[in-house]
Amino acid sequence: MLYGNRSAAIGGCSGLLFCLALSTASLTAQERLRLDWPELARIIVQRLALEQGETVLLVAHPNMFRDLIPTLRYEVMKAGAVDLGVIDVLPPGEWDSNVIQKGAGPSREAYREILKDIHASVMLPGATPADPAYAAVPVERWPCHRSQT
């Protein structure tokens, strides 16, 4: 499967999402920045340079960038790729860390099996490498690592 060299193109995209996450965190409800979600989704998918039939998975924090997710999934489909949906990571909370640690390994292994054949993934702000779904995505499927084969 041809993946194309996307590391330079997607690098700016991840930086954009990071800056957006930082800027929205410091705004009050009245000052909240209004983003053009469809345009942001279009740019992300354009930088992914998806090919017909490639599969795409989003990994997201359940309380961050919720308005971007539907438009991003739509743009993936519009590009002719296959939208695999979204996996929400477990948000920080009053969880028993022993339970989380005990469950992370088996979750990661199950996700590795499920996700081994995806073509691309988008890790949205709030998802971290410590999250089992994020950690299970093969590194070569991260947009910044996709290279022509």
Protein backbone atom coordinates (compact mmCIF):
# COMPACT_ATOMS: atom_id res chain seq x y z
CA MET A 1 0.00 0.00 0.00
CA LEU A 2 1.30 3.45 -0.90
CA TYR A 3 1.37 5.77 2.11
CA GLY A 4 3.27 8.77 0.72
CA ASN A 5 5.73 10.91 2.66
CA ARG A 6 3.61 12.97 5.00
CA SER A 7 5.93 13.77 7.90
CA ALA A 8 6.62 17.39 6.95
CA ALA A 9 3.02 18.11 6.04
CA ILE A 10 1.43 16.68 9.16
CA GLY A 11 4.01 18.18 11.53
CA GLY A 12 2.41 21.60 11.20
CA CYS A 13 -0.99 20.07 11.81
CA SER A 14 -0.06 18.56 15.17
CA GLY A 15 1.51 21.86 16.17
CA LEU A 16 -1.71 23.62 15.21
CA LEU A 17 -3.79 21.29 17.38
CA PHE A 18 -1.38 21.74 20.29
CA CYS A 19 -1.55 25.54 20.02
CA LEU A 20 -5.33 25.40 19.81
CA ALA A 21 -5.50 23.25 22.93
CA LEU A 22 -3.32 25.68 24.85
CA SER A 23 -5.17 28.76 23.68
CA THR A 24 -8.64 27.42 24.45
CA ALA A 25 -7.63 26.29 27.94
CA SER A 26 -6.85 29.84 29.04
CA LEU A 27 -9.98 31.52 27.67
CA THR A 28 -13.02 32.26 29.78
CA ALA A 29 -16.45 31.14 28.60
CA GLN A 30 -17.22 34.64 27.26
CA GLU A 31 -13.90 34.93 25.42
CA ARG A 32 -13.95 31.40 24.02
CA LEU A 33 -12.36 31.22 20.62
CA ARG A 34 -14.71 30.20 17.83
CA LEU A 35 -12.92 27.85 15.50
CA ASP A 36 -13.85 26.94 11.97
CA TRP A 37 -14.09 23.18 12.62
CA PRO A 38 -14.90 22.20 9.02
CA GLU A 39 -11.89 24.13 7.72
CA LEU A 40 -9.61 22.64 10.39
CA ALA A 41 -10.86 19.14 9.53
CA ARG A 42 -10.32 19.78 5.82
CA ILE A 43 -6.72 20.87 6.45
CA ILE A 44 -5.96 17.86 8.66
CA VAL A 45 -7.31 15.41 6.08
CA GLN A 46 -5.55 17.25 3.25
CA ARG A 47 -2.23 16.90 5.11
CA LEU A 48 -2.87 13.22 5.69
CA ALA A 49 -2.97 12.83 1.89
CA LEU A 50 -5.27 9.84 2.23
CA GLU A 51 -5.77 7.44 -0.62
CA GLN A 52 -8.95 5.69 -1.68
CA GLY A 53 -9.85 2.91 0.77
CA GLU A 54 -7.26 3.72 3.45
CA THR A 55 -8.58 3.22 6.96
CA VAL A 56 -8.44 6.04 9.52
CA LEU A 57 -8.99 5.96 13.28
CA LEU A 58 -9.30 8.92 15.64
CA VAL A 59 -8.15 8.68 19.27
CA ALA A 60 -9.63 11.43 21.43
CA HIS A 61 -10.16 12.68 24.96
CA PRO A 62 -13.92 12.55 25.56
CA ASN A 63 -14.14 16.21 26.67
CA MET A 64 -11.84 17.91 24.18
CA PHE A 65 -12.41 19.07 20.59
CA ARG A 66 -15.79 17.32 20.42
CA ASP A 67 -16.96 19.70 17.68
CA LEU A 68 -14.03 18.74 15.47
CA ILE A 69 -14.67 15.00 15.53
CA PRO A 70 -17.82 14.76 13.32
CA THR A 71 -16.39 17.13 10.72
CA LEU A 72 -13.06 15.31 10.72
CA ARG A 73 -14.77 11.96 10.22
CA TYR A 74 -16.83 13.44 7.38
CA GLU A 75 -13.72 14.82 5.65
CA VAL A 76 -12.06 11.40 5.93
CA MET A 77 -15.04 9.86 4.12
CA LYS A 78 -15.12 12.68 1.58
CA ALA A 79 -11.48 11.90 0.77
CA GLY A 80 -12.48 8.34 -0.13
CA ALA A 81 -10.92 6.82 2.98
CA VAL A 82 -12.69 4.52 5.42
CA ASP A 83 -13.73 6.13 8.70
CA LEU A 84 -13.16 3.66 11.55
CA GLY A 85 -14.61 6.03 14.11
CA VAL A 86 -13.23 7.26 17.40
CA ILE A 87 -11.76 5.61 20.45
CA ASP A 88 -12.15 7.75 23.55
CA VAL A 89 -9.36 7.56 26.08
CA LEU A 90 -10.11 7.37 29.79
CA PRO A 91 -10.00 10.94 31.12
CA PRO A 92 -8.13 11.75 34.31
CA GLY A 93 -10.26 11.27 37.37
CA GLU A 94 -10.54 9.74 40.78
CA TRP A 95 -9.62 6.31 39.45
CA ASP A 96 -7.78 3.65 41.44
CA SER A 97 -4.30 3.70 39.84
CA ASN A 98 -3.85 -0.04 40.55
CA VAL A 99 -6.93 -0.84 38.49
CA ILE A 100 -5.74 1.43 35.67
CA GLN A 101 -2.24 -0.10 35.64
CA LYS A 102 -3.59 -3.64 35.78
CA GLY A 103 -6.02 -3.00 32.92
CA ALA A 104 -3.67 -1.01 30.66
CA GLY A 105 -1.53 -3.95 29.51
CA PRO A 106 -4.37 -6.24 28.40
CA SER A 107 -6.17 -3.28 26.79
CA ARG A 108 -3.04 -2.30 24.88
CA GLU A 109 -2.53 -5.88 23.64
CA ALA A 110 -6.16 -6.19 22.53
CA TYR A 111 -5.95 -2.85 20.73
CA ARG A 112 -2.69 -3.91 19.02
CA GLU A 113 -4.48 -6.87 17.50
CA ILE A 114 -7.50 -4.81 16.48
CA LEU A 115 -5.49 -1.88 15.07
CA LYS A 116 -2.59 -3.68 13.38
CA ASP A 117 -3.94 -3.11 9.88
CA ILE A 118 -5.11 0.51 10.03
CA HIS A 119 -3.52 2.92 7.57
CA ALA A 120 -3.63 6.17 9.54
CA SER A 121 -4.61 7.56 12.89
CA VAL A 122 -5.21 11.02 14.28
CA MET A 123 -4.39 11.56 17.93
CA LEU A 124 -6.44 14.50 19.09
CA PRO A 125 -5.47 16.71 22.05
CA GLY A 126 -5.92 15.00 25.39
CA ALA A 127 -4.94 11.53 24.18
CA THR A 128 -1.46 10.59 25.36
CA PRO A 129 1.01 7.77 24.70
CA ALA A 130 0.09 6.40 28.14
CA ASP A 131 -3.44 5.63 26.90
CA PRO A 132 -3.72 2.00 25.71
CA ALA A 133 -5.42 2.84 22.40
CA TYR A 134 -2.82 5.50 21.57
CA ALA A 135 0.06 3.22 22.56
CA ALA A 136 -1.33 0.34 20.47
CA VAL A 137 -1.42 2.20 17.15
CA PRO A 138 1.62 1.11 15.16
CA VAL A 139 4.08 4.02 15.03
CA GLU A 140 4.33 3.77 11.26
CA ARG A 141 0.59 4.57 11.13
CA TRP A 142 1.02 7.88 12.93
CA PRO A 143 0.74 10.64 10.35
CA CYS A 144 4.21 12.00 11.11
CA HIS A 145 5.78 8.56 10.49
CA ARG A 146 3.91 7.47 7.39
CA SER A 147 6.38 7.09 4.56
CA GLN A 148 6.25 5.87 1.02
CA THR A 149 6.63 2.11 0.69
